[in-house]
Protein backbone atom coordinates (compact mmCIF):
# COMPACT_ATOMS: atom_id res chain seq x y z
CA UNK A 1 89.62 47.38 86.25
CA UNK A 2 89.00 48.99 82.64
CA UNK A 3 89.95 46.48 79.92
CA UNK A 4 91.79 47.49 76.49
CA UNK A 5 91.60 45.21 73.71
CA UNK A 6 94.35 46.02 70.91
CA UNK A 7 95.95 44.26 67.58
CA UNK A 8 99.42 44.33 66.27
CA UNK A 9 99.87 44.05 62.28
CA UNK A 10 102.30 45.29 60.14
CA UNK A 11 104.90 43.35 57.36
CA UNK A 12 106.36 39.83 58.05
CA UNK A 13 109.29 39.72 60.09
CA UNK A 14 108.35 43.77 61.37
CA UNK A 15 108.92 42.08 64.35
CA UNK A 16 105.61 42.09 65.88
CA UNK A 17 105.09 38.65 67.38
CA UNK A 18 108.82 39.86 69.40
CA UNK A 19 107.39 42.84 70.14
CA UNK A 20 104.64 41.44 72.09
CA UNK A 21 107.04 38.74 73.48
CA UNK A 22 108.94 41.51 75.05
CA UNK A 23 105.98 43.70 76.64
CA UNK A 24 105.24 40.09 78.34
CA UNK A 25 107.82 39.31 79.60
CA UNK A 26 109.68 42.43 80.55
CA UNK A 27 106.08 43.71 82.55
CA UNK A 28 106.63 39.77 83.78
CA UNK A 29 103.39 38.40 82.91
CA UNK A 30 104.80 34.83 81.75
CA UNK A 31 105.31 32.57 84.34
CA UNK A 32 108.50 30.92 84.81
CA UNK A 33 107.67 27.34 84.04
CA UNK A 34 106.23 28.88 80.26
CA UNK A 35 109.82 30.41 80.16
CA UNK A 36 112.18 27.25 80.87
CA UNK A 37 109.51 25.54 77.54
CA UNK A 38 110.02 28.37 75.45
CA UNK A 39 114.02 28.82 76.20
CA UNK A 40 114.34 25.06 75.49
CA UNK A 41 112.15 25.35 72.35
CA UNK A 42 114.31 27.88 71.32
CA UNK A 43 117.33 26.24 71.51
CA UNK A 44 115.70 23.76 69.06
CA UNK A 45 115.41 26.38 66.56
CA UNK A 46 118.20 28.56 67.03
CA UNK A 47 122.06 27.60 67.39
CA UNK A 48 122.62 30.13 69.93
CA UNK A 49 121.07 29.63 72.94
CA UNK A 50 118.65 33.10 73.47
CA UNK A 51 114.83 33.12 74.17
CA UNK A 52 113.09 33.71 71.04
CA UNK A 53 110.71 36.28 72.24
CA UNK A 54 107.69 35.49 69.02
CA UNK A 55 107.58 32.02 70.51
CA UNK A 56 105.23 33.18 73.16
CA UNK A 57 102.72 34.13 70.88
CA UNK A 58 103.02 32.00 67.97
CA UNK A 59 101.58 29.54 69.29
CA UNK A 60 100.79 26.98 66.06
CA UNK A 61 103.68 24.01 64.96
CA UNK A 62 103.60 25.61 61.64
CA UNK A 63 104.13 28.90 62.77
CA UNK A 64 107.73 27.91 64.90
CA UNK A 65 108.50 26.06 61.87
CA UNK A 66 108.26 28.66 59.42
CA UNK A 67 109.15 31.92 61.64
CA UNK A 68 105.63 33.50 61.07
CA UNK A 69 102.18 34.27 61.72
CA UNK A 70 99.16 32.76 60.29
CA UNK A 71 96.97 32.33 62.84
CA UNK A 72 95.35 35.33 65.08
CA UNK A 73 97.15 35.01 68.68
CA UNK A 74 95.44 35.86 71.56
CA UNK A 75 97.76 36.75 74.23
CA UNK A 76 95.88 37.87 78.04
CA UNK A 77 97.74 40.08 80.87
CA UNK A 78 97.42 42.71 83.82
CA UNK A 79 99.13 45.37 85.23
CA UNK A 80 98.20 47.22 88.25
CA UNK A 81 96.22 49.90 85.85
CA UNK A 82 94.86 47.51 83.29
CA UNK A 83 93.51 44.48 82.21
CA UNK A 84 94.33 43.50 78.19
CA UNK A 85 93.74 41.25 75.58
CA UNK A 86 96.60 41.38 72.58
CA UNK A 87 95.36 40.09 69.12
CA UNK A 88 98.56 39.20 66.90
CA UNK A 89 97.60 39.49 63.72
CA UNK A 90 99.70 38.05 60.19
CA UNK A 91 101.37 39.93 58.26
CA UNK A 92 101.17 38.05 55.07
CA UNK A 93 98.69 39.38 52.43
CA UNK A 94 96.89 36.65 52.04
CA UNK A 95 95.60 36.78 56.06
CA UNK A 96 93.77 40.05 55.65
CA UNK A 97 91.15 38.45 56.65
CA UNK A 98 92.34 37.38 59.73
CA UNK A 99 93.56 40.70 60.56
CA UNK A 100 90.40 42.02 60.00
CA UNK A 101 88.50 39.80 62.70
CA UNK A 102 91.50 40.24 64.91
CA UNK A 103 91.10 44.17 64.72
CA UNK A 104 86.99 44.01 64.82
CA UNK A 105 86.53 45.09 68.86
CA UNK A 106 89.76 46.75 69.51
CA UNK A 107 90.31 50.36 70.97
CA UNK A 108 93.99 50.44 69.82
CA UNK A 109 95.33 49.86 66.52
CA UNK A 110 99.08 48.79 67.04
CA UNK A 111 100.94 49.00 63.48
CA UNK A 112 104.38 48.15 63.43
CA UNK A 113 106.84 49.28 60.93
CA UNK A 114 110.94 48.06 60.05
CA UNK A 115 112.71 51.87 60.02
CA UNK A 116 114.91 50.64 57.64
CA UNK A 117 112.35 50.05 55.01
CA UNK A 118 109.40 52.81 56.25
CA UNK A 119 105.62 52.85 54.34
CA UNK A 120 105.15 49.66 52.58
CA UNK A 121 101.77 48.39 50.97
CA UNK A 122 101.18 46.16 53.79
CA UNK A 123 101.31 49.31 56.23
CA UNK A 124 98.66 51.22 53.72
CA UNK A 125 96.25 48.11 53.87
CA UNK A 126 96.52 47.59 57.92
CA UNK A 127 96.08 51.63 58.16
CA UNK A 128 92.88 51.31 55.79
CA UNK A 129 91.40 48.34 57.30
CA UNK A 130 92.00 50.29 60.84
CA UNK A 131 90.19 53.30 58.94
CA UNK A 132 87.16 51.18 57.87
CA UNK A 133 86.75 49.88 61.41
CA UNK A 134 87.07 52.84 63.01
CA UNK A 135 89.44 51.90 65.29
CA UNK A 136 89.31 54.83 67.61
CA UNK A 137 93.21 55.17 68.69
CA UNK A 138 96.22 54.25 66.10
CA UNK A 139 99.67 53.21 67.30
CA UNK A 140 102.44 53.60 64.83
CA UNK A 141 105.29 51.66 66.62
CA UNK A 142 108.96 52.09 64.25
CA UNK A 143 110.30 48.88 65.40
CA UNK A 144 114.30 48.48 64.21
CA UNK A 145 115.60 51.18 65.26
CA UNK A 146 118.79 49.73 66.96
CA UNK A 147 119.55 48.92 63.25
CA UNK A 148 119.53 52.50 62.00
CA UNK A 149 121.81 53.99 64.90
CA UNK A 150 118.38 55.35 66.64
CA UNK A 151 118.13 58.05 63.79
CA UNK A 152 116.03 60.83 65.04
CA UNK A 153 115.87 62.23 61.42
CA UNK A 154 114.60 58.62 59.95
CA UNK A 155 111.58 58.03 62.47
CA UNK A 156 110.72 61.90 61.73
CA UNK A 157 110.76 61.22 58.13
CA UNK A 158 108.30 58.07 58.49
CA UNK A 159 106.19 59.45 60.65
CA UNK A 160 105.75 62.56 58.03
CA UNK A 161 105.15 60.13 55.55
CA UNK A 162 102.83 57.89 57.27
CA UNK A 163 100.45 61.47 58.50
CA UNK A 164 100.33 62.18 54.60
CA UNK A 165 98.83 58.86 53.74
CA UNK A 166 96.52 59.20 57.00
CA UNK A 167 95.30 62.43 55.73
CA UNK A 168 92.74 60.94 53.49
CA UNK A 169 91.76 57.99 56.18
CA UNK A 170 90.17 60.16 59.20
CA UNK A 171 91.72 58.36 61.54
CA UNK A 172 91.05 59.86 65.04
CA UNK A 173 94.00 59.86 66.87
CA UNK A 174 97.67 58.51 65.70
CA UNK A 175 100.36 58.78 68.07
CA UNK A 176 104.52 57.45 67.12
CA UNK A 177 106.76 55.72 69.17
CA UNK A 178 110.38 54.98 68.28
CA UNK A 179 111.41 51.22 69.77
CA UNK A 180 113.80 48.13 69.81
CA UNK A 181 111.25 45.22 70.23
CA UNK A 182 114.19 42.67 70.37
CA UNK A 183 116.39 44.95 72.95
CA UNK A 184 113.41 46.39 74.98
CA UNK A 185 113.81 50.03 73.83
CA UNK A 186 111.15 52.11 74.79
CA UNK A 187 108.98 48.69 75.24
CA UNK A 188 108.35 48.54 78.94
CA UNK A 189 110.68 51.71 80.08
CA UNK A 190 111.75 55.03 78.22
CA UNK A 191 115.02 54.23 76.30
CA UNK A 192 118.17 56.01 77.33
CA UNK A 193 119.43 55.61 73.68
CA UNK A 194 117.02 58.20 72.20
CA UNK A 195 117.24 60.85 74.36
CA UNK A 196 115.55 62.75 71.28
CA UNK A 197 112.32 61.12 72.65
CA UNK A 198 110.86 62.07 75.57
CA UNK A 199 107.21 60.55 75.42
CA UNK A 200 105.55 57.50 76.38
CA UNK A 201 107.09 53.91 76.11
CA UNK A 202 104.30 51.39 74.60
CA UNK A 203 103.39 49.89 78.08
CA UNK A 204 102.89 53.69 79.94
CA UNK A 205 100.88 54.38 76.46
CA UNK A 206 98.63 51.30 77.00
CA UNK A 207 97.86 52.05 80.49
CA UNK A 208 96.80 55.72 80.08
CA UNK A 209 95.38 55.91 76.63
CA UNK A 210 91.98 57.52 76.55
CA UNK A 211 89.33 53.99 76.02
CA UNK A 212 86.46 55.16 74.04
CA UNK A 213 83.68 55.86 76.49
CA UNK A 214 81.42 56.76 73.58
CA UNK A 215 79.29 53.30 74.36
CA UNK A 216 77.82 54.64 77.80
CA UNK A 217 75.97 57.03 75.93
CA UNK A 218 74.52 55.17 73.11
CA UNK A 219 71.22 54.08 72.18
CA UNK A 220 69.69 51.19 74.45
CA UNK A 221 70.12 47.96 72.66
CA UNK A 222 68.72 44.21 73.36
CA UNK A 223 68.35 41.05 71.49
CA UNK A 224 66.32 38.12 72.46
CA UNK A 225 68.87 34.56 72.34
CA UNK A 226 66.37 32.73 74.27
CA UNK A 227 62.67 32.66 75.39
CA UNK A 228 62.66 31.09 78.16
CA UNK A 229 58.92 28.98 79.50
CA UNK A 230 58.57 28.13 82.89
CA UNK A 231 55.52 26.16 84.54
CA UNK A 232 56.25 25.44 88.57
CA UNK A 233 53.70 25.15 91.48
CA UNK A 234 55.37 28.29 92.56
CA UNK A 235 55.46 30.25 88.84
CA UNK A 236 52.48 30.64 86.57
CA UNK A 237 52.35 31.90 82.96
CA UNK A 238 55.96 33.03 83.14
CA UNK A 239 57.95 34.32 80.31
CA UNK A 240 61.57 35.94 79.85
CA UNK A 241 63.32 37.11 77.56
CA UNK A 242 67.31 36.58 77.68
CA UNK A 243 69.92 38.13 76.15
CA UNK A 244 72.49 40.36 76.39
CA UNK A 245 72.20 44.45 76.90
CA UNK A 246 74.49 45.32 73.80
CA UNK A 247 74.56 48.87 74.61
CA UNK A 248 73.02 51.50 76.91
CA UNK A 249 70.44 50.86 80.01
CA UNK A 250 67.25 48.91 80.79
CA UNK A 251 65.13 49.64 83.75
CA UNK A 252 61.81 48.18 85.27
CA UNK A 253 59.16 50.24 84.10
CA UNK A 254 60.80 51.29 81.05
CA UNK A 255 58.25 51.54 77.61
CA UNK A 256 60.08 49.55 74.69
CA UNK A 257 58.80 48.81 70.98
CA UNK A 258 59.73 44.95 70.36
CA UNK A 259 60.82 44.91 66.83
CA UNK A 260 60.64 44.16 64.14
CA UNK A 261 57.12 43.32 64.97
CA UNK A 262 56.50 46.92 66.20
CA UNK A 263 54.62 46.04 69.40
CA UNK A 264 54.65 48.17 72.20
CA UNK A 265 54.79 46.97 76.08
CA UNK A 266 56.38 48.23 79.41
CA UNK A 267 59.33 46.03 81.19
CA UNK A 268 58.14 44.55 84.79
CA UNK A 269 61.05 42.38 86.10
CA UNK A 270 65.01 42.24 84.94
CA UNK A 271 66.57 39.57 86.45
CA UNK A 272 70.29 39.00 86.64
CA UNK A 273 72.55 36.11 88.20
CA UNK A 274 69.25 34.46 89.55
CA UNK A 275 68.37 37.76 91.61
CA UNK A 276 66.14 40.54 90.23
CA UNK A 277 67.22 43.99 89.77
CA UNK A 278 65.94 47.53 89.08
CA UNK A 279 68.18 48.44 86.24
CA UNK A 280 70.91 46.44 84.14
CA UNK A 281 73.55 48.36 81.86
CA UNK A 282 75.79 47.73 78.70
CA UNK A 283 77.22 43.95 78.62
CA UNK A 284 74.80 42.73 81.38
CA UNK A 285 73.75 39.18 80.48
CA UNK A 286 69.43 39.83 81.82
CA UNK A 287 66.38 38.33 81.48
CA UNK A 288 63.56 40.59 80.91
CA UNK A 289 60.39 40.07 81.61
CA UNK A 290 57.19 42.12 79.80
CA UNK A 291 53.74 43.37 81.13
CA UNK A 292 51.85 42.37 77.92
CA UNK A 293 51.57 38.47 76.30
CA UNK A 294 53.32 39.36 72.90
CA UNK A 295 54.96 37.53 70.11
CA UNK A 296 58.40 37.69 70.79
CA UNK A 297 61.28 34.87 69.50
CA UNK A 298 65.12 34.75 69.65
CA UNK A 299 66.78 38.10 67.26
CA UNK A 300 64.00 40.36 68.07
CA UNK A 301 65.33 43.89 69.40
CA UNK A 302 63.55 45.23 72.64
CA UNK A 303 64.42 49.17 72.24
CA UNK A 304 63.10 52.00 74.39
CA UNK A 305 60.45 54.69 73.07
CA UNK A 306 62.68 57.57 70.85
CA UNK A 307 65.78 55.56 70.83
CA UNK A 308 65.12 53.41 67.60
CA UNK A 309 67.28 51.90 65.51
CA UNK A 310 66.53 51.72 61.32
CA UNK A 311 64.77 48.73 60.36
CA UNK A 312 64.67 47.55 56.66
CA UNK A 313 65.74 44.94 54.66
CA UNK A 314 67.93 46.56 52.93
CA UNK A 315 71.11 48.36 53.87
CA UNK A 316 74.78 49.63 52.39
CA UNK A 317 77.97 48.01 54.08
CA UNK A 318 81.40 47.44 53.46
CA UNK A 319 82.81 44.33 53.26
CA UNK A 320 85.47 41.59 53.78
CA UNK A 321 85.70 38.47 51.75
CA UNK A 322 87.11 35.78 54.43
CA UNK A 323 85.76 32.76 51.19
CA UNK A 324 88.50 30.65 49.66
CA UNK A 325 85.95 30.28 46.78
CA UNK A 326 85.14 33.55 45.04
CA UNK A 327 81.62 35.09 45.12
CA UNK A 328 79.13 33.83 42.98
CA UNK A 329 76.23 36.64 41.50
CA UNK A 330 73.05 35.34 42.96
CA UNK A 331 74.65 33.28 45.59
CA UNK A 332 72.34 33.10 49.18
CA UNK A 333 73.59 33.37 52.25
CA UNK A 334 72.73 33.77 56.12
CA UNK A 335 73.06 36.52 57.83
CA UNK A 336 73.37 36.72 61.37
CA UNK A 337 73.94 39.80 63.42
CA UNK A 338 74.25 38.88 67.35
CA UNK A 339 71.51 36.41 67.32
CA UNK A 340 69.38 37.74 64.89
CA UNK A 341 69.21 35.47 61.33
CA UNK A 342 68.00 35.78 58.06
CA UNK A 343 68.75 34.84 54.66
CA UNK A 344 70.31 37.29 52.51
CA UNK A 345 71.93 38.47 48.86
CA UNK A 346 74.22 40.70 48.12
CA UNK A 347 71.98 42.97 45.38
CA UNK A 348 74.54 45.15 44.57
CA UNK A 349 78.73 45.92 44.45
CA UNK A 350 78.66 49.22 44.49
CA UNK A 351 82.98 49.29 43.88
CA UNK A 352 85.91 47.52 45.55
CA UNK A 353 88.42 49.52 47.67
CA UNK A 354 91.67 49.80 46.73
CA UNK A 355 93.50 48.60 49.47
CA UNK A 356 96.84 50.35 48.86
CA UNK A 357 94.93 53.73 48.45
CA UNK A 358 91.64 53.76 49.80
CA UNK A 359 90.59 54.78 46.25
CA UNK A 360 87.53 53.06 44.51
CA UNK A 361 87.37 50.88 41.83
CA UNK A 362 84.95 49.22 39.45
CA UNK A 363 83.83 46.32 40.41
CA UNK A 364 80.30 44.28 38.57
CA UNK A 365 80.62 40.73 40.19
CA UNK A 366 83.76 39.30 41.10
CA UNK A 367 84.51 39.29 44.58
CA UNK A 368 87.64 37.41 45.85
CA UNK A 369 89.48 35.96 49.17
CA UNK A 370 90.10 39.11 51.13
CA UNK A 371 89.02 41.76 49.02
CA UNK A 372 87.13 44.54 50.73
CA UNK A 373 84.06 46.27 48.65
CA UNK A 374 81.00 48.33 48.89
CA UNK A 375 77.64 46.27 48.72
CA UNK A 376 73.82 46.30 49.15
CA UNK A 377 72.39 43.48 50.97
CA UNK A 378 68.59 42.88 51.00
CA UNK A 379 67.47 40.18 53.73
CA UNK A 380 64.60 38.23 53.62
CA UNK A 381 63.23 39.40 57.00
CA UNK A 382 63.73 43.04 58.38
CA UNK A 383 66.39 43.71 60.34
CA UNK A 384 67.14 46.25 62.92
CA UNK A 385 70.49 48.07 62.83
CA UNK A 386 72.20 51.20 63.87
CA UNK A 387 75.41 52.23 61.12
CA UNK A 388 78.82 50.44 62.64
CA UNK A 389 79.95 54.69 63.13
CA UNK A 390 77.04 54.82 65.43
CA UNK A 391 77.23 51.26 67.26
CA UNK A 392 79.48 49.05 66.68
CA UNK A 393 77.55 46.07 68.40
CA UNK A 394 74.48 46.67 65.97
CA UNK A 395 75.91 47.34 62.61
CA UNK A 396 78.39 44.81 62.20
CA UNK A 397 77.00 41.06 60.48
CA UNK A 398 78.76 38.02 59.06
CA UNK A 399 77.89 36.14 56.20
CA UNK A 400 77.18 32.04 56.17
CA UNK A 401 77.62 29.89 53.26
CA UNK A 402 73.59 28.32 53.46
CA UNK A 403 75.26 24.56 52.60
CA UNK A 404 78.30 24.14 54.72
CA UNK A 405 77.65 27.03 57.48
CA UNK A 406 81.38 28.66 57.16
CA UNK A 407 81.72 32.23 57.52
CA UNK A 408 82.38 33.37 54.16
CA UNK A 409 82.23 37.35 54.89
CA UNK A 410 82.06 39.51 57.41
CA UNK A 411 80.54 43.50 56.77
CA UNK A 412 80.09 46.85 58.74
CA UNK A 413 76.99 48.70 58.01
CA UNK A 414 77.57 52.19 56.14
């Protein structure tokens, strides 16, 4: 069964958590004991006895007390057609880093807009981040239609305004759905109060939207996570390289190069779940054995001939700063890309991105929390990578503070 990842984003009080709560509740993805517990909590928060749908996603105590989403809340549910992972991301400007994290692996960006207020700066911010992260599908849910008397004119007005702004973002696919999350209109089933809209409901869309299948045709990528050495009475001189097939496929007899060392070899054996197999494809956790004994360590890439990535100690990237402390010129970091780790510096800040207009603006040295900018990264050791556009598994990385070991930035390689 296919897995679809999507995230929600929008302004504070646009109804993101309520929408996800309604989706889970109406699709019967919540057990009765959880509903009973949250009904009691709803009574403690609200004067009436109505069930507060937002409590299904706002899991932190502070979130429930303040009525806002602070952290990324992940929820999982399944229908007869697909499995889903939802990332409910915060709407506040100061939590942009959380939104960047929650959106990084999504197939669909679900942008919520309050029909009364229309396009806001946060709407633009979230659309820009969706563009940077190259989210394959953008779904714009125009919520609270019940509060504007289900006006088709207002819906079309917001739709046209969004499309004018999105034109410069190169978003792949944009869909619009008018709805009322609180009342369940166009969430799981089609609404009979908006007869002018005859397209899919939210759940119908999520169950049928095409998941980007380009992963199946990506170049083959495998990074070594662990070198396994065994010496028993039965097995002599065993050396296996454990890791995950990040993309593509590997098979016995395949000629490969080990990068960045540039050694040549051939795959002699592939093991999966303690069984020998002929081949392994994307997302498989395997052990690879090579014909000849060469120097291969953690973080090395095993790459088939004619499918080589870039190998360099310098590259350009779009960076989202996640640390409360601002960037200090000359600051050193650890760069982590899957299992590969090396020391790195920001050699140059090319420009900051104006998150509201998507226009570049000059920046010499100041990068602060939630800033998104284009930078040149220099690493101590050569790194194998693809552009994020070509391969998200090898085109993304994080920067780690040497002293605290905290993640301070996330980036995508241009």
